[in-house]
Amino acid sequence: MLIERTSREVIIRLPASVEATGLQRLIDYLTYKEATSNSKATQLQVDELAASVKKGWWKKNKKRFIK
């Protein structure tokens, strides 16, 4: 593995033999970190938003699971 830092980015080079599933999980985590890096939200606000989204999803999809 080789890690190189330039003035604009960090470049990580891995051998082609690296497992794709683990690599995808790492990429997903890094994407999340990049997307939330400027967030001012508190953990409480994030938890409330997640609960609201889950509640709305369940309301919309409940019929698909419970008959």
C-alpha atoms as a PDB file:
ATOM      1  CA  MET A   1       0.000   0.000   0.000  1.00  0.00           C
ATOM      2  CA  LEU A   2       1.207   3.481  -0.827  1.00  0.00           C
ATOM      3  CA  ILE A   3      -0.267   6.707   0.571  1.00  0.00           C
ATOM      4  CA  GLU A   4       0.635   9.968  -1.123  1.00  0.00           C
ATOM      5  CA  ARG A   5      -0.513  13.428  -0.054  1.00  0.00           C
ATOM      6  CA  THR A   6      -0.573  16.308  -2.514  1.00  0.00           C
ATOM      7  CA  SER A   7      -1.743  19.860  -1.906  1.00  0.00           C
ATOM      8  CA  ARG A   8      -5.247  18.935  -3.126  1.00  0.00           C
ATOM      9  CA  GLU A   9      -5.795  15.267  -2.278  1.00  0.00           C
ATOM     10  CA  VAL A  10      -4.648  12.061  -0.630  1.00  0.00           C
ATOM     11  CA  ILE A  11      -3.935   9.193  -3.002  1.00  0.00           C
ATOM     12  CA  ILE A  12      -4.066   5.614  -1.712  1.00  0.00           C
ATOM     13  CA  ARG A  13      -2.703   2.874  -3.953  1.00  0.00           C
ATOM     14  CA  LEU A  14      -3.600  -0.723  -3.171  1.00  0.00           C
ATOM     15  CA  PRO A  15      -2.698  -3.961  -4.912  1.00  0.00           C
ATOM     16  CA  ALA A  16      -5.387  -5.348  -7.228  1.00  0.00           C
ATOM     17  CA  SER A  17      -5.624  -8.408  -4.977  1.00  0.00           C
ATOM     18  CA  VAL A  18      -7.419  -6.442  -2.214  1.00  0.00           C
ATOM     19  CA  GLU A  19     -10.859  -7.916  -1.499  1.00  0.00           C
ATOM     20  CA  ALA A  20     -13.587  -5.854  -3.223  1.00  0.00           C
ATOM     21  CA  THR A  21     -16.149  -6.132  -0.404  1.00  0.00           C
ATOM     22  CA  GLY A  22     -13.830  -4.756   2.253  1.00  0.00           C
ATOM     23  CA  LEU A  23     -12.611  -2.073  -0.104  1.00  0.00           C
ATOM     24  CA  GLN A  24     -16.203  -1.010  -0.853  1.00  0.00           C
ATOM     25  CA  ARG A  25     -16.929  -0.716   2.877  1.00  0.00           C
ATOM     26  CA  LEU A  26     -13.870   1.484   3.279  1.00  0.00           C
ATOM     27  CA  ILE A  27     -14.933   3.662   0.330  1.00  0.00           C
ATOM     28  CA  ASP A  28     -18.455   3.977   1.779  1.00  0.00           C
ATOM     29  CA  TYR A  29     -16.984   5.106   5.110  1.00  0.00           C
ATOM     30  CA  LEU A  30     -14.693   7.643   3.437  1.00  0.00           C
ATOM     31  CA  THR A  31     -17.611   8.954   1.363  1.00  0.00           C
ATOM     32  CA  TYR A  32     -19.613   9.400   4.572  1.00  0.00           C
ATOM     33  CA  LYS A  33     -16.700  11.223   6.248  1.00  0.00           C
ATOM     34  CA  GLU A  34     -16.350  13.540   3.276  1.00  0.00           C
ATOM     35  CA  ALA A  35     -20.085  14.263   3.115  1.00  0.00           C
ATOM     36  CA  THR A  36     -20.336  15.048   6.833  1.00  0.00           C
ATOM     37  CA  SER A  37     -17.048  16.867   7.301  1.00  0.00           C
ATOM     38  CA  ASN A  38     -18.655  20.324   7.390  1.00  0.00           C
ATOM     39  CA  SER A  39     -21.779  19.329   9.296  1.00  0.00           C
ATOM     40  CA  LYS A  40     -22.665  21.311  12.386  1.00  0.00           C
ATOM     41  CA  ALA A  41     -25.386  18.842  13.418  1.00  0.00           C
ATOM     42  CA  THR A  42     -25.260  17.399  16.905  1.00  0.00           C
ATOM     43  CA  GLN A  43     -25.617  13.670  17.537  1.00  0.00           C
ATOM     44  CA  LEU A  44     -29.058  14.355  19.047  1.00  0.00           C
ATOM     45  CA  GLN A  45     -30.179  16.113  15.847  1.00  0.00           C
ATOM     46  CA  VAL A  46     -28.883  13.229  13.742  1.00  0.00           C
ATOM     47  CA  ASP A  47     -30.689  10.700  15.944  1.00  0.00           C
ATOM     48  CA  GLU A  48     -33.953  12.669  15.720  1.00  0.00           C
ATOM     49  CA  LEU A  49     -33.682  12.904  11.933  1.00  0.00           C
ATOM     50  CA  ALA A  50     -32.980   9.171  11.662  1.00  0.00           C
ATOM     51  CA  ALA A  51     -35.992   8.352  13.848  1.00  0.00           C
ATOM     52  CA  SER A  52     -38.205  10.628  11.756  1.00  0.00           C
ATOM     53  CA  VAL A  53     -37.054   9.056   8.507  1.00  0.00           C
ATOM     54  CA  LYS A  54     -37.562   5.534   9.859  1.00  0.00           C
ATOM     55  CA  LYS A  55     -41.042   6.419  11.105  1.00  0.00           C
ATOM     56  CA  GLY A  56     -42.017   7.885   7.730  1.00  0.00           C
ATOM     57  CA  TRP A  57     -40.589   4.885   5.881  1.00  0.00           C
ATOM     58  CA  TRP A  58     -42.454   2.442   8.112  1.00  0.00           C
ATOM     59  CA  LYS A  59     -45.702   4.346   7.675  1.00  0.00           C
ATOM     60  CA  LYS A  60     -45.315   4.211   3.901  1.00  0.00           C
ATOM     61  CA  ASN A  61     -44.192   0.550   3.690  1.00  0.00           C
ATOM     62  CA  LYS A  62     -45.995  -1.125   6.604  1.00  0.00           C
ATOM     63  CA  LYS A  63     -48.598  -2.685   4.300  1.00  0.00           C
ATOM     64  CA  ARG A  64     -45.875  -4.532   2.408  1.00  0.00           C
ATOM     65  CA  PHE A  65     -44.822  -6.415   5.551  1.00  0.00           C
ATOM     66  CA  ILE A  66     -47.972  -6.771   7.659  1.00  0.00           C
ATOM     67  CA  LYS A  67     -51.133  -8.035   6.028  1.00  0.00           C
END
